[in-house]
């Protein structure tokens, strides 16, 4: 069950934009199946400056609220809504990939430590078991 919530701020609600969010997040959800169980908020907004005349800028913000990736917040702005959406999803993909890579490296590190503890031995232990030839033994009178 995918828990994606799309919110519009200073924009009229658009079914096309909402559908676009779902379509573009599908490949990321396929690569990271853990995300399917998490709550993800998308905030699509338009920022218009009262001092500047002309078109405003669009902002897309992603906030993952639950699960393994909890607390990830990304925001991108652009002159076009769909460009901002593409940029924020690309950034999300990169962040998730780095997060998984970091977890994988930590797991490998833990496994190496466990393995080295099991196989750790004293290199001088072998030397202590070596028979010393008679001629090299100290003469005790």
N, C-alpha and C. Protein backbone atom coordinates (compact mmCIF):
# COMPACT_ATOMS: atom_id res chain seq x y z
N UNK A 1 0.84 -1.18 0.00
CA UNK A 1 0.00 0.00 0.00
C UNK A 1 0.89 1.25 0.00
N UNK A 2 0.78 2.02 -1.03
CA UNK A 2 1.60 3.22 -1.17
C UNK A 2 0.89 4.38 -0.46
N UNK A 3 1.66 5.07 0.37
CA UNK A 3 1.10 6.16 1.17
C UNK A 3 1.70 7.49 0.71
N UNK A 4 1.33 7.92 -0.49
CA UNK A 4 1.82 9.20 -1.00
C UNK A 4 0.69 10.22 -0.88
N UNK A 5 1.02 11.36 -0.29
CA UNK A 5 0.04 12.43 -0.13
C UNK A 5 0.57 13.65 -0.86
N UNK A 6 -0.21 14.19 -1.79
CA UNK A 6 0.20 15.37 -2.56
C UNK A 6 -0.62 16.56 -2.07
N UNK A 7 0.09 17.62 -1.70
CA UNK A 7 -0.54 18.85 -1.21
C UNK A 7 -0.19 19.99 -2.16
N UNK A 8 -1.15 20.85 -2.42
CA UNK A 8 -0.93 22.01 -3.29
C UNK A 8 -0.98 23.27 -2.43
N UNK A 9 0.05 24.10 -2.56
CA UNK A 9 0.08 25.37 -1.83
C UNK A 9 0.22 26.49 -2.86
N UNK A 10 -0.65 27.46 -2.79
CA UNK A 10 -0.68 28.59 -3.74
C UNK A 10 -0.82 28.11 -5.18
N UNK A 11 -1.41 26.95 -5.35
CA UNK A 11 -1.67 26.38 -6.68
C UNK A 11 -3.07 25.76 -6.66
N UNK A 12 -3.69 25.78 -7.83
CA UNK A 12 -4.96 25.07 -7.94
C UNK A 12 -4.67 23.58 -8.01
N UNK A 13 -5.53 22.80 -7.39
CA UNK A 13 -5.34 21.35 -7.40
C UNK A 13 -5.46 20.85 -8.83
N UNK A 14 -4.48 20.07 -9.24
CA UNK A 14 -4.43 19.58 -10.62
C UNK A 14 -4.31 18.06 -10.60
N UNK A 15 -5.26 17.40 -11.25
CA UNK A 15 -5.18 15.94 -11.35
C UNK A 15 -3.99 15.52 -12.19
N UNK A 16 -3.66 16.32 -13.20
CA UNK A 16 -2.52 16.01 -14.06
C UNK A 16 -1.22 16.04 -13.25
N UNK A 17 -1.05 17.06 -12.42
CA UNK A 17 0.16 17.17 -11.60
C UNK A 17 0.22 16.02 -10.60
N UNK A 18 -0.91 15.69 -10.01
CA UNK A 18 -0.95 14.61 -9.03
C UNK A 18 -0.61 13.27 -9.70
N UNK A 19 -1.17 13.05 -10.88
CA UNK A 19 -0.89 11.82 -11.62
C UNK A 19 0.59 11.76 -12.01
N UNK A 20 1.15 12.91 -12.37
CA UNK A 20 2.56 12.99 -12.73
C UNK A 20 3.46 12.61 -11.54
N UNK A 21 3.09 13.07 -10.36
CA UNK A 21 3.86 12.72 -9.14
C UNK A 21 3.86 11.21 -8.96
N UNK A 22 2.69 10.58 -9.07
CA UNK A 22 2.60 9.13 -8.88
C UNK A 22 3.38 8.37 -9.96
N UNK A 23 3.28 8.82 -11.21
CA UNK A 23 3.98 8.14 -12.30
C UNK A 23 5.49 8.24 -12.16
N UNK A 24 5.96 9.40 -11.75
CA UNK A 24 7.42 9.59 -11.65
C UNK A 24 8.02 8.94 -10.40
N UNK A 25 7.21 8.72 -9.38
CA UNK A 25 7.74 8.07 -8.18
C UNK A 25 7.71 6.54 -8.29
N UNK A 26 6.94 6.01 -9.22
CA UNK A 26 6.84 4.56 -9.38
C UNK A 26 8.19 3.89 -9.62
N UNK A 27 9.07 4.39 -10.51
CA UNK A 27 10.37 3.73 -10.69
C UNK A 27 11.22 3.73 -9.41
N UNK A 28 11.13 4.79 -8.63
CA UNK A 28 11.89 4.85 -7.38
C UNK A 28 11.32 3.84 -6.39
N UNK A 29 10.00 3.71 -6.35
CA UNK A 29 9.38 2.75 -5.44
C UNK A 29 9.72 1.31 -5.84
N UNK A 30 9.92 1.07 -7.13
CA UNK A 30 10.31 -0.26 -7.58
C UNK A 30 11.75 -0.58 -7.17
N UNK A 31 12.62 0.42 -7.22
CA UNK A 31 14.02 0.20 -6.83
C UNK A 31 14.18 0.10 -5.32
N UNK A 32 13.34 0.79 -4.57
CA UNK A 32 13.40 0.80 -3.11
C UNK A 32 12.04 0.36 -2.57
N UNK A 33 11.77 -0.95 -2.54
CA UNK A 33 10.45 -1.44 -2.15
C UNK A 33 10.06 -1.09 -0.71
N UNK A 34 11.03 -0.79 0.15
CA UNK A 34 10.72 -0.41 1.53
C UNK A 34 9.88 0.87 1.57
N UNK A 35 10.04 1.71 0.55
CA UNK A 35 9.31 2.98 0.50
C UNK A 35 7.80 2.80 0.33
N UNK A 36 7.39 1.65 -0.19
CA UNK A 36 5.97 1.43 -0.44
C UNK A 36 5.15 1.43 0.84
N UNK A 37 5.81 1.13 1.97
CA UNK A 37 5.11 1.07 3.25
C UNK A 37 5.18 2.38 4.01
N UNK A 38 5.92 3.33 3.51
CA UNK A 38 6.18 4.57 4.24
C UNK A 38 5.26 5.70 3.79
N UNK A 39 5.06 6.66 4.70
CA UNK A 39 4.25 7.84 4.38
C UNK A 39 5.16 8.89 3.75
N UNK A 40 4.79 9.33 2.55
CA UNK A 40 5.58 10.32 1.83
C UNK A 40 4.67 11.49 1.48
N UNK A 41 5.09 12.69 1.85
CA UNK A 41 4.34 13.90 1.53
C UNK A 41 5.05 14.66 0.42
N UNK A 42 4.29 15.09 -0.57
CA UNK A 42 4.78 15.97 -1.63
C UNK A 42 4.06 17.29 -1.48
N UNK A 43 4.80 18.37 -1.37
CA UNK A 43 4.22 19.71 -1.33
C UNK A 43 4.58 20.41 -2.63
N UNK A 44 3.58 20.69 -3.45
CA UNK A 44 3.79 21.42 -4.70
C UNK A 44 3.31 22.84 -4.47
N UNK A 45 4.20 23.80 -4.66
CA UNK A 45 3.80 25.18 -4.37
C UNK A 45 4.37 26.14 -5.40
N UNK A 46 3.74 27.30 -5.46
CA UNK A 46 4.21 28.38 -6.33
C UNK A 46 4.60 29.54 -5.44
N UNK A 47 5.81 30.03 -5.67
CA UNK A 47 6.32 31.15 -4.89
C UNK A 47 6.31 32.37 -5.80
N UNK A 48 5.46 33.33 -5.50
CA UNK A 48 5.43 34.54 -6.31
C UNK A 48 5.85 35.72 -5.44
N UNK A 49 6.71 36.52 -5.98
CA UNK A 49 7.22 37.66 -5.24
C UNK A 49 6.36 38.89 -5.53
N UNK A 50 5.91 39.58 -4.49
CA UNK A 50 5.12 40.79 -4.73
C UNK A 50 5.97 41.93 -5.29
N UNK A 51 7.29 41.86 -5.11
CA UNK A 51 8.17 42.92 -5.60
C UNK A 51 8.54 42.75 -7.06
N UNK A 52 8.56 41.48 -7.53
CA UNK A 52 8.95 41.22 -8.91
C UNK A 52 7.73 40.89 -9.75
N UNK A 53 7.69 41.49 -10.91
CA UNK A 53 6.61 41.22 -11.84
C UNK A 53 7.04 40.05 -12.72
N UNK A 54 6.12 39.19 -13.06
CA UNK A 54 6.44 38.07 -13.93
C UNK A 54 6.07 36.75 -13.28
N UNK A 55 6.41 35.69 -13.97
CA UNK A 55 6.04 34.37 -13.45
C UNK A 55 6.79 34.04 -12.17
N UNK A 56 6.13 33.30 -11.32
CA UNK A 56 6.75 32.89 -10.07
C UNK A 56 7.59 31.64 -10.26
N UNK A 57 8.17 31.21 -9.19
CA UNK A 57 8.94 29.97 -9.24
C UNK A 57 8.15 28.88 -8.53
N UNK A 58 8.39 27.66 -8.96
CA UNK A 58 7.68 26.52 -8.40
C UNK A 58 8.62 25.75 -7.49
N UNK A 59 8.05 25.24 -6.44
CA UNK A 59 8.82 24.49 -5.45
C UNK A 59 8.17 23.14 -5.23
N UNK A 60 9.00 22.10 -5.14
CA UNK A 60 8.52 20.76 -4.81
C UNK A 60 9.31 20.28 -3.61
N UNK A 61 8.57 19.88 -2.59
CA UNK A 61 9.21 19.42 -1.35
C UNK A 61 8.74 18.00 -1.05
N UNK A 62 9.70 17.13 -0.72
CA UNK A 62 9.38 15.75 -0.35
C UNK A 62 9.76 15.57 1.11
N UNK A 63 8.87 14.94 1.85
CA UNK A 63 9.14 14.63 3.26
C UNK A 63 8.72 13.19 3.52
N UNK A 64 9.69 12.34 3.87
CA UNK A 64 9.39 10.95 4.23
C UNK A 64 9.18 10.92 5.74
N UNK A 65 7.98 10.52 6.14
CA UNK A 65 7.60 10.65 7.55
C UNK A 65 7.78 9.40 8.39
N UNK A 66 7.82 8.23 7.79
CA UNK A 66 7.92 7.01 8.58
C UNK A 66 8.93 6.04 7.97
N UNK A 67 9.27 5.02 8.73
CA UNK A 67 10.06 3.91 8.23
C UNK A 67 11.56 4.12 8.27
N UNK A 68 12.23 3.31 7.49
CA UNK A 68 13.69 3.27 7.44
C UNK A 68 14.30 4.60 7.00
N UNK A 69 13.62 5.29 6.11
CA UNK A 69 14.14 6.55 5.57
C UNK A 69 13.51 7.77 6.25
N UNK A 70 12.94 7.58 7.42
CA UNK A 70 12.24 8.64 8.14
C UNK A 70 13.12 9.88 8.30
N UNK A 71 12.53 11.04 8.06
CA UNK A 71 13.23 12.29 8.29
C UNK A 71 13.90 12.88 7.06
N UNK A 72 13.86 12.19 5.93
CA UNK A 72 14.46 12.74 4.72
C UNK A 72 13.53 13.84 4.19
N UNK A 73 14.09 15.03 4.05
CA UNK A 73 13.35 16.18 3.51
C UNK A 73 14.18 16.77 2.39
N UNK A 74 13.59 16.88 1.21
CA UNK A 74 14.28 17.47 0.06
C UNK A 74 13.37 18.51 -0.57
N UNK A 75 13.98 19.59 -1.05
CA UNK A 75 13.20 20.64 -1.70
C UNK A 75 13.99 21.20 -2.86
N UNK A 76 13.33 21.36 -4.00
CA UNK A 76 13.94 21.96 -5.19
C UNK A 76 12.99 22.99 -5.76
N UNK A 77 13.56 24.04 -6.33
CA UNK A 77 12.75 25.08 -6.97
C UNK A 77 13.20 25.24 -8.42
N UNK A 78 12.26 25.65 -9.25
CA UNK A 78 12.56 25.87 -10.66
C UNK A 78 11.48 26.78 -11.24
N UNK A 79 11.73 27.23 -12.46
CA UNK A 79 10.75 28.09 -13.12
C UNK A 79 9.54 27.29 -13.62
N UNK A 80 9.70 25.96 -13.72
CA UNK A 80 8.61 25.08 -14.14
C UNK A 80 8.37 24.01 -13.08
N UNK A 81 7.13 23.71 -12.82
CA UNK A 81 6.76 22.74 -11.78
C UNK A 81 7.33 21.36 -12.08
N UNK A 82 7.25 20.92 -13.32
CA UNK A 82 7.65 19.56 -13.66
C UNK A 82 9.17 19.40 -13.67
N UNK A 83 9.89 20.47 -13.93
CA UNK A 83 11.35 20.43 -13.83
C UNK A 83 11.75 20.31 -12.36
N UNK A 84 11.08 21.07 -11.50
CA UNK A 84 11.36 20.98 -10.06
C UNK A 84 11.04 19.58 -9.54
N UNK A 85 9.95 18.99 -10.03
CA UNK A 85 9.58 17.64 -9.62
C UNK A 85 10.64 16.63 -10.07
N UNK A 86 11.10 16.76 -11.30
CA UNK A 86 12.14 15.85 -11.81
C UNK A 86 13.43 15.98 -11.00
N UNK A 87 13.81 17.22 -10.68
CA UNK A 87 15.05 17.45 -9.92
C UNK A 87 14.95 16.88 -8.50
N UNK A 88 13.81 17.07 -7.85
CA UNK A 88 13.68 16.58 -6.47
C UNK A 88 13.63 15.05 -6.45
N UNK A 89 13.03 14.43 -7.45
CA UNK A 89 13.00 12.97 -7.49
C UNK A 89 14.37 12.39 -7.80
N UNK A 90 15.13 13.07 -8.65
CA UNK A 90 16.50 12.64 -8.93
C UNK A 90 17.35 12.74 -7.67
N UNK A 91 17.17 13.82 -6.94
CA UNK A 91 17.90 14.02 -5.69
C UNK A 91 17.48 12.97 -4.65
N UNK A 92 16.20 12.64 -4.61
CA UNK A 92 15.71 11.61 -3.69
C UNK A 92 16.33 10.26 -4.02
N UNK A 93 16.37 9.92 -5.29
CA UNK A 93 16.96 8.65 -5.72
C UNK A 93 18.42 8.57 -5.27
N UNK A 94 19.16 9.64 -5.47
CA UNK A 94 20.58 9.68 -5.07
C UNK A 94 20.72 9.53 -3.56
N UNK A 95 19.89 10.23 -2.80
CA UNK A 95 19.95 10.17 -1.33
C UNK A 95 19.64 8.76 -0.83
N UNK A 96 18.62 8.13 -1.41
CA UNK A 96 18.26 6.77 -0.99
C UNK A 96 19.36 5.78 -1.34
N UNK A 97 19.95 5.96 -2.52
CA UNK A 97 21.04 5.07 -2.94
C UNK A 97 22.22 5.18 -1.99
N UNK A 98 22.58 6.42 -1.63
CA UNK A 98 23.70 6.63 -0.69
C UNK A 98 23.37 6.05 0.68
N UNK A 99 22.13 6.20 1.11
CA UNK A 99 21.71 5.67 2.41
C UNK A 99 21.85 4.15 2.43
N UNK A 100 21.37 3.48 1.38
CA UNK A 100 21.48 2.02 1.30
C UNK A 100 22.93 1.57 1.23
N UNK A 101 23.74 2.32 0.48
CA UNK A 101 25.16 1.98 0.37
C UNK A 101 25.85 2.10 1.73
N UNK A 102 25.50 3.12 2.48
CA UNK A 102 26.07 3.31 3.81
C UNK A 102 25.67 2.16 4.74
N UNK A 103 24.41 1.75 4.70
CA UNK A 103 23.95 0.62 5.51
C UNK A 103 24.68 -0.66 5.12
N UNK A 104 24.84 -0.87 3.81
CA UNK A 104 25.54 -2.07 3.32
C UNK A 104 26.98 -2.08 3.80
N UNK A 105 27.65 -0.93 3.73
CA UNK A 105 29.04 -0.85 4.18
C UNK A 105 29.14 -1.10 5.68
N UNK A 106 28.21 -0.58 6.45
CA UNK A 106 28.22 -0.82 7.89
C UNK A 106 28.01 -2.30 8.20
N UNK A 107 27.12 -2.96 7.46
CA UNK A 107 26.90 -4.40 7.66
C UNK A 107 28.16 -5.19 7.33
N UNK A 108 28.82 -4.82 6.24
CA UNK A 108 30.08 -5.50 5.87
C UNK A 108 31.13 -5.31 6.95
N UNK A 109 31.21 -4.11 7.48
CA UNK A 109 32.19 -3.80 8.52
C UNK A 109 31.93 -4.66 9.76
N UNK A 110 30.67 -4.79 10.15
CA UNK A 110 30.30 -5.61 11.30
C UNK A 110 30.65 -7.07 11.05
N UNK A 111 30.35 -7.55 9.83
CA UNK A 111 30.67 -8.94 9.50
C UNK A 111 32.17 -9.19 9.53
N UNK A 112 32.95 -8.23 9.02
CA UNK A 112 34.42 -8.38 9.05
C UNK A 112 34.93 -8.44 10.47
N UNK A 113 34.38 -7.60 11.35
CA UNK A 113 34.80 -7.60 12.75
C UNK A 113 34.48 -8.94 13.41
N UNK A 114 33.28 -9.46 13.15
CA UNK A 114 32.90 -10.76 13.71
C UNK A 114 33.82 -11.85 13.20
N UNK A 115 34.10 -11.81 11.91
CA UNK A 115 34.96 -12.83 11.30
C UNK A 115 36.37 -12.74 11.85
N UNK A 116 36.90 -11.54 12.03
CA UNK A 116 38.26 -11.39 12.53
C UNK A 116 38.35 -11.82 14.00
N UNK A 117 37.29 -11.65 14.77
CA UNK A 117 37.30 -12.11 16.16
C UNK A 117 37.34 -13.63 16.22
N UNK A 118 36.63 -14.27 15.31
CA UNK A 118 36.60 -15.73 15.29
C UNK A 118 37.97 -16.29 14.90
N UNK A 119 38.60 -15.70 13.92
CA UNK A 119 39.86 -16.22 13.39
C UNK A 119 41.09 -15.57 14.00
N UNK A 120 40.90 -14.71 14.96
CA UNK A 120 42.04 -14.04 15.55
C UNK A 120 42.84 -15.04 16.38
N UNK A 121 44.14 -15.04 16.21
CA UNK A 121 44.99 -15.90 17.01
C UNK A 121 46.30 -15.19 17.29
N UNK A 122 47.03 -15.70 18.23
CA UNK A 122 48.30 -15.10 18.62
C UNK A 122 49.39 -15.65 17.70
N UNK A 123 50.08 -14.80 16.94
CA UNK A 123 51.11 -15.31 16.02
C UNK A 123 52.28 -15.96 16.77
N UNK A 124 52.50 -15.59 18.02
CA UNK A 124 53.61 -16.16 18.78
C UNK A 124 53.25 -17.52 19.36
N UNK A 125 51.96 -17.84 19.31
CA UNK A 125 51.50 -19.12 19.83
C UNK A 125 52.14 -20.28 19.07
N UNK A 126 52.23 -20.13 17.77
CA UNK A 126 52.86 -21.17 16.95
C UNK A 126 54.33 -21.30 17.31
N UNK A 127 54.98 -20.18 17.59
CA UNK A 127 56.40 -20.21 17.92
C UNK A 127 56.63 -20.93 19.25
N UNK A 128 55.70 -20.84 20.17
CA UNK A 128 55.86 -21.47 21.47
C UNK A 128 55.77 -22.99 21.37
N UNK A 129 55.09 -23.49 20.37
CA UNK A 129 54.93 -24.94 20.20
C UNK A 129 56.06 -25.56 19.40
N UNK A 130 56.98 -24.76 18.90
CA UNK A 130 58.08 -25.28 18.09
C UNK A 130 59.11 -25.93 19.02
N UNK A 131 59.58 -27.10 18.61
CA UNK A 131 60.61 -27.81 19.37
C UNK A 131 61.96 -27.17 19.09
N UNK A 132 62.65 -26.78 20.14
CA UNK A 132 63.96 -26.13 20.00
C UNK A 132 65.01 -27.24 19.97
N UNK A 133 65.88 -27.22 18.95
CA UNK A 133 66.92 -28.26 18.87
C UNK A 133 67.79 -28.24 20.13
N UNK A 134 68.31 -29.43 20.48
CA UNK A 134 69.07 -29.62 21.72
C UNK A 134 70.30 -28.73 21.79
N UNK A 135 70.99 -28.57 20.69
CA UNK A 135 72.23 -27.80 20.72
C UNK A 135 71.97 -26.32 21.01
N UNK A 136 70.74 -25.84 20.80
CA UNK A 136 70.43 -24.43 21.07
C UNK A 136 69.81 -24.20 22.44
N UNK A 137 69.56 -25.29 23.16
CA UNK A 137 68.98 -25.15 24.49
C UNK A 137 70.06 -24.72 25.46
N UNK A 138 69.67 -23.88 26.41
CA UNK A 138 70.68 -23.47 27.40
C UNK A 138 71.08 -24.67 28.29
N UNK A 139 72.36 -24.72 28.60
CA UNK A 139 72.89 -25.81 29.43
C UNK A 139 72.72 -25.43 30.90
N UNK A 140 72.00 -26.28 31.61
CA UNK A 140 71.78 -26.02 33.03
C UNK A 140 72.64 -27.00 33.82
N UNK A 141 73.51 -26.49 34.72
CA UNK A 141 74.39 -27.38 35.48
C UNK A 141 73.86 -27.64 36.86
